[in-house]
Amino acid sequence: MKNGLSEKTNSPVSAEKSVRLLSIDALRGFDMLLIAGGGTFLELMEGKTGWAWMDAIARQMHHATWNGSITFYDLIFPIFLFVAGVSLSFSLNNALKRGAKKKDLYFKAFYRLLILMAIDIIYKNPGISFFEPSNIRYFAVLTRIGIAGLLTTIIYLNFPSYGRILWIAAILLAYYAVVFLYPVPGYGPGNLSSMETNFVGWFERAFQPGRLVNVIYDENGLPTQFPALCLTILGSLAGDILRSDRKENKKILILIAAGLLCLSLGLLWGLHFRISKHLWSSSFILVSGGWAFLLMTLFYWLIDVLKYQKWAFVFKIIGLNSLAIYLLYNFVNFYYTSHLLFYGFYAPTPELWHKVFEAIGALVLVLLTIYFMYRKKIFLKV
């Protein structure tokens, strides 16, 4: 079988291993925690304490500007896409062991994409203009996850590890070439000075249906789907390493080497094709993929190798219900409820701290909700 699932490959994968690693859910949960209030709380700490290190952390909790350098917050969505690929390696192999056919797995991934896209449309378009489709935003976070999942499933089931690496190289090089060589009307080729002047923005305005989030540009639009897909493919490679019969120390060394290689290539490429979350530039994909490899390694080493697992419980319950926490955080106003419940406690404090305490209260409410769902075995999955 030439599909990365054969036992006769250079990276032997055990057909017996089907136990899900806790570190996968924990890393996903860590990522979602920052989205669901943890990042907001830290961002609001800037200028409150007088501590330079706290201000430095706070400045990492928001996206970089168009011409800004990369921040930690820029890595959150890429890490989620990467972890989705890690999970795919496990879930696809487990499904095949149970006798599932490839076409069934393709259909499942496509069906998942349709559901995620429907949720995205509802969430991103309050009071949907059904009779004015040009006002609907069709492509956002969940849609990107669905597209990456579908395409990675197709690639994973038909190509071994080296084939997937070639796919990554081809996509990133092709994206690089198009962005720098295509003559954008009125601006010429390779003009990355603004959202309007580059190939991605021009393509979206000319061909993408619906509304763009920034009117002239949408970083989650059609062109950037392709480089973003590479993060999920990279995750599938990491998943194969974690599933393999290698000794734990060797897995860790391979994952670290992969992370450092991606970081090095990304930083080098960034000298010409700047590292940009807004563009999902090829260099950004490699840099964020490198950090994802290293974070996955750290979580795997601490949780599944050294067995330090109690500290990761909160991350685990969030990771097991990541879609639920995303929807809850976006559809339920936990900040309003936090203000109603807790304002009396923090009212006597200086006013500049009120938003911080409100964010902490909202985060507590989110975590209590997710814990309640975990105890009741309520898991929202697509």
Foldseek 3Di string as FASTA:
>chain_A
DAFQLDCPDPFGFDLPDQDDFLLLLLLLLVLLLLVQQVLVLLLLCAPPPPDPVSNVSNVLSDAAPLPGAGGVNLLSLLLNLLSLLLVCLNVVSVCVSVPDDLVVVLVVLVVQLVVLQVVVQCLVAPVNPPVCQQATDRFDSSNLSSVLSNVLSVNNRRHHLVSLVVLLVVLQVVLVCCFAQPQQPPQGHNDSPDQQRTPQLSCCVVPNGHAAPVRSAHLRDDSLSRNSSSSSSLSNVLSSLVRGPDDLVVSLVVLLVQLVVLLVVLVVCCVRQNQGSSNSHNSVSSNSSSVSSNSSSVSCCCCVNVNPPPVSPLSNLCSQAVVVSVCCSSVPPLLVVLCVPCVVPCVVPPPSCSSSSSSVSSSVVSSVVSVVCVVVVNHDDD
